[in-house]
PDB file of N, CA and C in Angstrom:
ATOM      1  N   MET A   1      20.822-199.313  38.703  1.00  0.00           N
ATOM      2  CA  MET A   1      21.746-198.110  38.578  1.00  0.00           C
ATOM      3  C   MET A   1      21.936-197.970  37.093  1.00  0.00           C
ATOM      4  N   GLY A   2      22.215-196.983  36.592  1.00  0.00           N
ATOM      5  CA  GLY A   2      22.206-196.705  35.117  1.00  0.00           C
ATOM      6  C   GLY A   2      23.176-195.646  34.662  1.00  0.00           C
ATOM      7  N   GLY A   3      23.884-195.584  33.479  1.00  0.00           N
ATOM      8  CA  GLY A   3      24.537-194.688  33.071  1.00  0.00           C
ATOM      9  C   GLY A   3      24.128-194.040  31.929  1.00  0.00           C
ATOM     10  N   SER A   4      24.427-192.933  31.500  1.00  0.00           N
ATOM     11  CA  SER A   4      24.066-192.383  30.310  1.00  0.00           C
ATOM     12  C   SER A   4      25.072-191.233  29.850  1.00  0.00           C
ATOM     13  N   ASN A   5      24.502-190.142  29.425  1.00  0.00           N
ATOM     14  CA  ASN A   5      25.331-188.835  28.797  1.00  0.00           C
ATOM     15  C   ASN A   5      25.909-188.453  30.152  1.00  0.00           C
ATOM     16  N   LYS A   6      26.992-188.957  30.495  1.00  0.00           N
ATOM     17  CA  LYS A   6      28.049-188.269  31.565  1.00  0.00           C
ATOM     18  C   LYS A   6      27.137-188.018  32.984  1.00  0.00           C
ATOM     19  N   GLU A   7      25.988-188.982  33.278  1.00  0.00           N
ATOM     20  CA  GLU A   7      25.385-189.022  34.520  1.00  0.00           C
ATOM     21  C   GLU A   7      25.184-190.349  34.922  1.00  0.00           C
ATOM     22  N   LEU A   8      25.373-190.720  36.408  1.00  0.00           N
ATOM     23  CA  LEU A   8      25.120-191.987  36.938  1.00  0.00           C
ATOM     24  C   LEU A   8      23.852-191.733  37.785  1.00  0.00           C
ATOM     25  N   THR A   9      23.104-192.644  37.455  1.00  0.00           N
ATOM     26  CA  THR A   9      21.637-192.382  38.152  1.00  0.00           C
ATOM     27  C   THR A   9      21.039-193.624  38.982  1.00  0.00           C
ATOM     28  N   LEU A  10      20.392-193.534  39.802  1.00  0.00           N
ATOM     29  CA  LEU A  10      20.147-194.705  40.868  1.00  0.00           C
ATOM     30  C   LEU A  10      18.434-195.059  40.686  1.00  0.00           C
ATOM     31  N   TRP A  11      18.102-196.166  40.498  1.00  0.00           N
ATOM     32  CA  TRP A  11      16.661-196.272  40.165  1.00  0.00           C
ATOM     33  C   TRP A  11      16.321-197.364  41.479  1.00  0.00           C
ATOM     34  N   ASN A  12      14.918-197.319  41.362  1.00  0.00           N
ATOM     35  CA  ASN A  12      14.646-198.604  42.065  1.00  0.00           C
ATOM     36  C   ASN A  12      14.108-199.894  41.337  1.00  0.00           C
ATOM     37  N   LYS A  13      13.575-200.940  41.856  1.00  0.00           N
ATOM     38  CA  LYS A  13      13.074-201.955  41.220  1.00  0.00           C
ATOM     39  C   LYS A  13      12.166-201.953  40.339  1.00  0.00           C
ATOM     40  N   GLU A  14      10.979-200.981  40.545  1.00  0.00           N
ATOM     41  CA  GLU A  14      10.070-200.781  39.836  1.00  0.00           C
ATOM     42  C   GLU A  14      10.236-199.469  38.505  1.00  0.00           C
ATOM     43  N   GLY A  15      11.547-199.331  38.554  1.00  0.00           N
ATOM     44  CA  GLY A  15      12.051-198.265  37.766  1.00  0.00           C
ATOM     45  C   GLY A  15      11.655-196.879  37.773  1.00  0.00           C
ATOM     46  N   VAL A  16      11.643-196.622  38.964  1.00  0.00           N
ATOM     47  CA  VAL A  16      11.465-195.093  39.563  1.00  0.00           C
ATOM     48  C   VAL A  16      12.652-194.494  39.598  1.00  0.00           C
ATOM     49  N   ARG A  17      13.366-193.656  39.004  1.00  0.00           N
ATOM     50  CA  ARG A  17      14.452-192.771  39.422  1.00  0.00           C
ATOM     51  C   ARG A  17      14.421-192.150  40.572  1.00  0.00           C
ATOM     52  N   LEU A  18      15.551-192.380  41.561  1.00  0.00           N
ATOM     53  CA  LEU A  18      15.794-192.053  42.547  1.00  0.00           C
ATOM     54  C   LEU A  18      16.620-190.663  42.964  1.00  0.00           C
ATOM     55  N   GLY A  19      17.457-190.823  42.036  1.00  0.00           N
ATOM     56  CA  GLY A  19      18.579-189.619  42.043  1.00  0.00           C
ATOM     57  C   GLY A  19      19.758-189.785  41.439  1.00  0.00           C
ATOM     58  N   THR A  20      20.521-188.746  41.219  1.00  0.00           N
ATOM     59  CA  THR A  20      21.928-188.766  40.476  1.00  0.00           C
ATOM     60  C   THR A  20      22.795-189.078  41.505  1.00  0.00           C
ATOM     61  N   ILE A  21      23.945-190.091  41.343  1.00  0.00           N
ATOM     62  CA  ILE A  21      24.986-190.322  42.072  1.00  0.00           C
ATOM     63  C   ILE A  21      26.091-189.616  41.767  1.00  0.00           C
ATOM     64  N   GLY A  22      26.190-189.246  40.318  1.00  0.00           N
ATOM     65  CA  GLY A  22      27.527-188.510  40.123  1.00  0.00           C
ATOM     66  C   GLY A  22      27.603-188.411  38.561  1.00  0.00           C
ATOM     67  N   GLU A  23      28.855-187.183  38.207  1.00  0.00           N
ATOM     68  CA  GLU A  23      28.761-187.278  36.620  1.00  0.00           C
ATOM     69  C   GLU A  23      30.320-187.396  36.213  1.00  0.00           C
ATOM     70  N   MET A  24      30.491-187.714  35.048  1.00  0.00           N
ATOM     71  CA  MET A  24      31.705-187.860  34.434  1.00  0.00           C
ATOM     72  C   MET A  24      31.851-187.013  33.363  1.00  0.00           C
ATOM     73  N   GLN A  25      33.059-186.912  32.821  1.00  0.00           N
ATOM     74  CA  GLN A  25      33.428-186.254  31.660  1.00  0.00           C
ATOM     75  C   GLN A  25      32.930-186.771  30.311  1.00  0.00           C
ATOM     76  N   ASP A  26      32.680-187.882  30.437  1.00  0.00           N
ATOM     77  CA  ASP A  26      32.399-188.438  29.020  1.00  0.00           C
ATOM     78  C   ASP A  26      31.096-189.616  29.184  1.00  0.00           C
ATOM     79  N   TRP A  27      30.608-189.750  27.907  1.00  0.00           N
ATOM     80  CA  TRP A  27      29.563-190.878  27.968  1.00  0.00           C
ATOM     81  C   TRP A  27      29.784-192.342  28.910  1.00  0.00           C
ATOM     82  N   ILE A  28      28.965-192.560  30.040  1.00  0.00           N
ATOM     83  CA  ILE A  28      29.179-193.657  30.810  1.00  0.00           C
ATOM     84  C   ILE A  28      28.840-194.826  30.115  1.00  0.00           C
ATOM     85  N   TRP A  29      29.818-196.046  29.975  1.00  0.00           N
ATOM     86  CA  TRP A  29      29.526-197.088  29.274  1.00  0.00           C
ATOM     87  C   TRP A  29      29.037-198.246  30.277  1.00  0.00           C
ATOM     88  N   SER A  30      29.470-198.367  31.525  1.00  0.00           N
ATOM     89  CA  SER A  30      29.168-199.507  32.121  1.00  0.00           C
ATOM     90  C   SER A  30      29.199-198.840  33.653  1.00  0.00           C
ATOM     91  N   CYS A  31      28.388-199.589  34.565  1.00  0.00           N
ATOM     92  CA  CYS A  31      28.415-199.182  35.927  1.00  0.00           C
ATOM     93  C   CYS A  31      28.101-200.470  36.778  1.00  0.00           C
ATOM     94  N   ALA A  32      28.336-200.391  37.995  1.00  0.00           N
ATOM     95  CA  ALA A  32      27.979-201.456  38.767  1.00  0.00           C
ATOM     96  C   ALA A  32      28.069-201.020  40.383  1.00  0.00           C
ATOM     97  N   ILE A  33      27.628-201.680  41.087  1.00  0.00           N
ATOM     98  CA  ILE A  33      27.490-201.375  42.593  1.00  0.00           C
ATOM     99  C   ILE A  33      27.789-202.325  43.356  1.00  0.00           C
ATOM    100  N   ASN A  34      28.765-202.347  44.470  1.00  0.00           N
ATOM    101  CA  ASN A  34      28.998-203.106  45.451  1.00  0.00           C
ATOM    102  C   ASN A  34      28.431-202.881  46.611  1.00  0.00           C
ATOM    103  N   PRO A  35      27.190-204.042  47.185  1.00  0.00           N
ATOM    104  CA  PRO A  35      26.278-203.565  48.099  1.00  0.00           C
ATOM    105  C   PRO A  35      27.305-203.708  49.493  1.00  0.00           C
ATOM    106  N   GLY A  36      28.495-204.702  49.370  1.00  0.00           N
ATOM    107  CA  GLY A  36      29.186-204.949  50.559  1.00  0.00           C
ATOM    108  C   GLY A  36      29.936-203.524  51.182  1.00  0.00           C
ATOM    109  N   THR A  37      30.217-202.652  50.397  1.00  0.00           N
ATOM    110  CA  THR A  37      30.961-201.725  50.543  1.00  0.00           C
ATOM    111  C   THR A  37      30.098-200.174  50.432  1.00  0.00           C
ATOM    112  N   LYS A  38      28.981-200.246  49.670  1.00  0.00           N
ATOM    113  CA  LYS A  38      27.896-199.341  49.353  1.00  0.00           C
ATOM    114  C   LYS A  38      28.694-198.185  48.286  1.00  0.00           C
ATOM    115  N   THR A  39      29.776-198.830  47.461  1.00  0.00           N
ATOM    116  CA  THR A  39      30.054-198.222  46.363  1.00  0.00           C
ATOM    117  C   THR A  39      29.563-198.560  45.020  1.00  0.00           C
ATOM    118  N   ALA A  40      29.584-197.232  44.211  1.00  0.00           N
ATOM    119  CA  ALA A  40      29.157-197.185  42.880  1.00  0.00           C
ATOM    120  C   ALA A  40      30.325-197.091  42.158  1.00  0.00           C
ATOM    121  N   PHE A  41      30.543-197.913  40.977  1.00  0.00           N
ATOM    122  CA  PHE A  41      31.660-197.680  40.028  1.00  0.00           C
ATOM    123  C   PHE A  41      30.981-197.562  38.643  1.00  0.00           C
ATOM    124  N   ALA A  42      31.778-196.710  37.734  1.00  0.00           N
ATOM    125  CA  ALA A  42      31.259-196.245  36.493  1.00  0.00           C
ATOM    126  C   ALA A  42      32.541-196.242  35.903  1.00  0.00           C
ATOM    127  N   GLY A  43      32.368-196.469  34.529  1.00  0.00           N
ATOM    128  CA  GLY A  43      33.495-196.508  33.254  1.00  0.00           C
ATOM    129  C   GLY A  43      32.957-195.577  32.173  1.00  0.00           C
ATOM    130  N   ALA A  44      33.758-194.723  31.888  1.00  0.00           N
ATOM    131  CA  ALA A  44      33.406-193.789  30.956  1.00  0.00           C
ATOM    132  C   ALA A  44      34.114-194.180  29.269  1.00  0.00           C
ATOM    133  N   ASN A  45      33.551-193.600  28.161  1.00  0.00           N
ATOM    134  CA  ASN A  45      33.887-193.819  27.139  1.00  0.00           C
ATOM    135  C   ASN A  45      35.533-193.215  26.634  1.00  0.00           C
ATOM    136  N   ASN A  46      35.949-192.265  27.514  1.00  0.00           N
ATOM    137  CA  ASN A  46      37.349-192.002  27.335  1.00  0.00           C
ATOM    138  C   ASN A  46      38.426-192.696  28.206  1.00  0.00           C
ATOM    139  N   GLY A  47      37.651-193.762  29.048  1.00  0.00           N
ATOM    140  CA  GLY A  47      38.592-194.573  29.712  1.00  0.00           C
ATOM    141  C   GLY A  47      38.744-194.264  31.320  1.00  0.00           C
ATOM    142  N   GLY A  48      38.171-193.337  31.698  1.00  0.00           N
ATOM    143  CA  GLY A  48      38.002-192.707  33.086  1.00  0.00           C
ATOM    144  C   GLY A  48      37.137-193.742  33.909  1.00  0.00           C
ATOM    145  N   LEU A  49      37.582-193.936  35.248  1.00  0.00           N
ATOM    146  CA  LEU A  49      36.854-194.653  35.891  1.00  0.00           C
ATOM    147  C   LEU A  49      36.781-193.791  37.345  1.00  0.00           C
ATOM    148  N   ALA A  50      35.635-194.254  38.006  1.00  0.00           N
ATOM    149  CA  ALA A  50      34.897-193.317  39.096  1.00  0.00           C
ATOM    150  C   ALA A  50      34.356-194.286  40.105  1.00  0.00           C
ATOM    151  N   ALA A  51      34.670-193.960  41.296  1.00  0.00           N
ATOM    152  CA  ALA A  51      33.944-194.787  42.311  1.00  0.00           C
ATOM    153  C   ALA A  51      33.219-193.777  43.384  1.00  0.00           C
ATOM    154  N   TYR A  52      31.759-193.775  43.540  1.00  0.00           N
ATOM    155  CA  TYR A  52      31.207-193.012  44.334  1.00  0.00           C
ATOM    156  C   TYR A  52      30.592-193.911  45.734  1.00  0.00           C
ATOM    157  N   GLU A  53      31.057-193.224  46.682  1.00  0.00           N
ATOM    158  CA  GLU A  53      30.448-193.874  48.083  1.00  0.00           C
ATOM    159  C   GLU A  53      28.611-193.465  48.216  1.00  0.00           C
ATOM    160  N   VAL A  54      28.039-194.380  48.217  1.00  0.00           N
ATOM    161  CA  VAL A  54      26.417-194.163  48.488  1.00  0.00           C
ATOM    162  C   VAL A  54      26.077-194.380  49.713  1.00  0.00           C
ATOM    163  N   ASP A  55      25.390-193.778  50.613  1.00  0.00           N
ATOM    164  CA  ASP A  55      24.858-193.919  51.853  1.00  0.00           C
ATOM    165  C   ASP A  55      23.354-194.119  51.841  1.00  0.00           C
ATOM    166  N   PHE A  56      22.781-195.206  51.934  1.00  0.00           N
ATOM    167  CA  PHE A  56      21.546-195.534  51.880  1.00  0.00           C
ATOM    168  C   PHE A  56      20.902-195.132  53.219  1.00  0.00           C
ATOM    169  N   LEU A  57      20.158-194.244  53.359  1.00  0.00           N
ATOM    170  CA  LEU A  57      19.587-193.984  54.628  1.00  0.00           C
ATOM    171  C   LEU A  57      17.912-194.366  54.497  1.00  0.00           C
ATOM    172  N   LYS A  58      17.300-194.433  55.721  1.00  0.00           N
ATOM    173  CA  LYS A  58      16.078-194.601  55.772  1.00  0.00           C
ATOM    174  C   LYS A  58      15.106-193.595  55.545  1.00  0.00           C
ATOM    175  N   VAL A  59      14.068-193.797  54.567  1.00  0.00           N
ATOM    176  CA  VAL A  59      13.221-192.837  54.405  1.00  0.00           C
ATOM    177  C   VAL A  59      11.971-192.990  55.010  1.00  0.00           C
ATOM    178  N   HIS A  60      11.586-192.291  55.854  1.00  0.00           N
ATOM    179  CA  HIS A  60      10.422-192.411  56.570  1.00  0.00           C
ATOM    180  C   HIS A  60       9.082-191.646  55.889  1.00  0.00           C
ATOM    181  N   GLY A  61       7.828-192.239  56.156  1.00  0.00           N
ATOM    182  CA  GLY A  61       6.613-191.220  55.277  1.00  0.00           C
ATOM    183  C   GLY A  61       5.659-191.535  56.517  1.00  0.00           C
ATOM    184  N   LEU A  62       4.567-190.616  56.548  1.00  0.00           N
ATOM    185  CA  LEU A  62       3.225-190.897  57.444  1.00  0.00           C
ATOM    186  C   LEU A  62       2.109-190.274  56.539  1.00  0.00           C
ATOM    187  N   TYR A  63       1.127-191.274  56.309  1.00  0.00           N
ATOM    188  CA  TYR A  63       0.103-191.065  55.499  1.00  0.00           C
ATOM    189  C   TYR A  63      -1.250-191.217  56.387  1.00  0.00           C
ATOM    190  N   GLN A  64      -2.194-190.210  56.750  1.00  0.00           N
ATOM    191  CA  GLN A  64      -2.971-190.543  57.644  1.00  0.00           C
ATOM    192  C   GLN A  64      -2.697-191.046  58.774  1.00  0.00           C
ATOM    193  N   GLU A  65      -3.114-192.311  59.072  1.00  0.00           N
ATOM    194  CA  GLU A  65      -3.095-193.090  60.340  1.00  0.00           C
ATOM    195  C   GLU A  65      -1.595-194.105  59.956  1.00  0.00           C
ATOM    196  N   ARG A  66      -1.004-194.155  59.184  1.00  0.00           N
ATOM    197  CA  ARG A  66      -0.404-195.033  58.470  1.00  0.00           C
ATOM    198  C   ARG A  66       1.284-194.839  58.510  1.00  0.00           C
ATOM    199  N   TYR A  67       2.194-195.404  59.130  1.00  0.00           N
ATOM    200  CA  TYR A  67       3.493-194.875  59.121  1.00  0.00           C
ATOM    201  C   TYR A  67       4.284-195.690  58.112  1.00  0.00           C
ATOM    202  N   ALA A  68       5.073-195.571  57.625  1.00  0.00           N
ATOM    203  CA  ALA A  68       6.060-196.385  56.684  1.00  0.00           C
ATOM    204  C   ALA A  68       7.526-195.692  56.602  1.00  0.00           C
ATOM    205  N   TYR A  69       8.290-197.097  56.389  1.00  0.00           N
ATOM    206  CA  TYR A  69       9.853-196.457  56.003  1.00  0.00           C
ATOM    207  C   TYR A  69      10.083-197.500  54.993  1.00  0.00           C
ATOM    208  N   ARG A  70      11.287-196.817  54.393  1.00  0.00           N
ATOM    209  CA  ARG A  70      11.906-197.619  53.180  1.00  0.00           C
ATOM    210  C   ARG A  70      13.374-198.170  53.679  1.00  0.00           C
ATOM    211  N   GLU A  71      13.523-199.518  53.641  1.00  0.00           N
ATOM    212  CA  GLU A  71      14.565-199.989  53.660  1.00  0.00           C
ATOM    213  C   GLU A  71      15.732-200.328  52.680  1.00  0.00           C
ATOM    214  N   HIS A  72      16.695-200.152  52.455  1.00  0.00           N
ATOM    215  CA  HIS A  72      17.515-200.421  51.429  1.00  0.00           C
ATOM    216  C   HIS A  72      17.056-199.623  49.835  1.00  0.00           C
ATOM    217  N   LEU A  73      15.984-198.752  50.274  1.00  0.00           N
ATOM    218  CA  LEU A  73      15.935-197.892  49.037  1.00  0.00           C
ATOM    219  C   LEU A  73      14.874-198.672  48.210  1.00  0.00           C
ATOM    220  N   THR A  74      14.226-200.044  48.479  1.00  0.00           N
ATOM    221  CA  THR A  74      13.520-200.784  47.712  1.00  0.00           C
ATOM    222  C   THR A  74      12.355-201.511  48.462  1.00  0.00           C
ATOM    223  N   ASP A  75      12.599-201.770  49.721  1.00  0.00           N
ATOM    224  CA  ASP A  75      11.612-202.423  50.558  1.00  0.00           C
ATOM    225  C   ASP A  75      10.943-201.360  51.374  1.00  0.00           C
ATOM    226  N   VAL A  76       9.636-201.370  51.534  1.00  0.00           N
ATOM    227  CA  VAL A  76       8.703-200.473  52.247  1.00  0.00           C
ATOM    228  C   VAL A  76       8.199-201.687  53.257  1.00  0.00           C
ATOM    229  N   ILE A  77       8.145-200.966  54.663  1.00  0.00           N
ATOM    230  CA  ILE A  77       7.964-201.820  55.802  1.00  0.00           C
ATOM    231  C   ILE A  77       7.005-200.742  56.420  1.00  0.00           C
ATOM    232  N   ILE A  78       5.400-201.112  56.454  1.00  0.00           N
ATOM    233  CA  ILE A  78       4.371-200.397  56.808  1.00  0.00           C
ATOM    234  C   ILE A  78       4.227-200.732  58.542  1.00  0.00           C
TER     235      ILE A  78
END
């Protein structure tokens, strides 16, 4: 997970951007995720704090004769 100019984004362990979690009013200086509650937290330059609930659904894919799905957005099961 990473924060930058007002946008909180989620990345996988290979460094591929998965999507935007949320936005804030000012620059985001810190972020963390609690895997137990699936909540992402962010702190901004203006002192604002935000909590975003992130739901990790399974992603399924089919390529020729192979079926794969993604667990926890990082593990691929074929």
